[in-house]
C-alpha cells in the first residue's frame, strides 16, 4: 500500500475541504484502484521474526493487528483529521464509543468535569451515572450562559464537555468564549460536533482541544452503519487516547470505515442541501406550532451566535406542541412520508419524540432540567423535496388540531 500522488501532509492540508473530502487520506495498493480498498483482515503476516519484533517495538512502520491499525480505517482517520483541521484522528465503533473514549482516556478518580445540561441521553448517562462509579464528579450547567462555565470551575476541573447545537434542545455554546476560558485555566474542551460536522462548523477553529463524533449521523448520512470518531492533537492522541483505545478495543470495523469514507465524499453537498430544506420546512412550521427551536431562524434566541459559528443551520431542529406527549405522538402517527425514527443525519426525513426515545433513560427530572418537554418533537430534514415534507406535516398537524 502506498499513499496516492500528493498525499504528503504538507500538500493535503492545503487542499480545500471539498477536495479533502474526496481525496484526503487515500492509499492505493499495487492494483491502482481509484476507490479506497476494503481490507477485511484481523491480522497481518511478516517477512521475519525480527520484522514483527521491530513493528511491535515501534522501530519499523507497518500493521500489527486490526485493533491497532487497519489500512481502510487509517484512510478514514486521515481524512477526518484533514477535514477537522486536526493533527490526528482515531475512529471508534459507535458515537458513544467515541464520547466514552474521548472522556475516560483523560480522566481519573478525583477529577471534575463541567458538562452541558443539554446533551444526548447516553452522554448524560456517562456524566450522571458512569463517572460517579469511578470517583469522577460532574457539575452540569446551562451551557448557553457563559458565566456558569466560569462559576463551575473547581481546582480539580479537567474537562469541559458539551455539544453545540445540543440534542434535542438546540442550545448553542459560545465556542470562542468557552474554549478560551478553558485554555486559560488548563482545562481540556471536548466538543460533540455530530449535528454540524466539520462541513459547517469546525470547533478547533475556535480553540477546541478535542472534537468527537457519532459518524453514524451526517458523515455516513444514509443510515447504513454505526461509527464514531475523535479528532485532537497528535500529543493527545499518542499519550492519552491511543493507550485507552488499544487496551479497551472500541474499534470501528474496516467495512464500516469504508462506508463512512464513501459518505464523506458527499457530506458537504448533503448537509448544505439538507440545511436549505430545513430552513424551508422550519419557516413553514414557525407559523403553525407554539414553539420552534431552529438555529437558522431569527426567532431562535441564539440565532446570531449560531450563524457566527456555523456556515449553515444544519438539518436538525425541534419544536414543541402545547398538548404534551399525546399530541406529539398523534402528530407522529399521522405522518405519511416522514419516518418515525430516533436516528438523525440521514438523507431521509426522520422524526422522533425525545422524551420517550433518545432521552427516556435519563428520567423525567433530568429531562425537565435539560429542557426536553413532553410535547417536544425532533425533526431531521432529509433530501426529499421540501414541499412534499411540508404537505405531510400540514396534514399531520391538522389531524391534531393545528
Foldseek 3Di string as FASTA:
>chain_A
DAQDPQQDPVRLLPDDLLCLLQRHLAGDDPVRDPAHDFDQDFADDDPDPVVLVCVVVVNDDDDGGVLQDDSLQRSLFRSQCSLLVFATKHKFQALVVQVCLVPPLPDAAPAEEEEELFAWQVVCCCQPPVQVVRNYHYDYDHQLDLVVLVVPDDLRYAEYEYEALGPALRRHHLLLSNLVVCVVNNHAYEYEDAQAGSLWFRSVVSRHAKYKYFCCAQLLAANDHTMMMMGHYPCCCVPGRSVVSSVPRRHHGSVVSSSSSVSSSCSNVWFQLLLVLQVVLVVLVVVPAPFWQFLCDPPHPCVVSCVVRTVGRGQKIKGFHPVFQVLQVLLQVQFDQEDDDPGARHLGKYKYQCCVPRNVVVDDVSCVVNVRTRRMMMIGGHNDDSVVVNVRSVRSSVSSPD
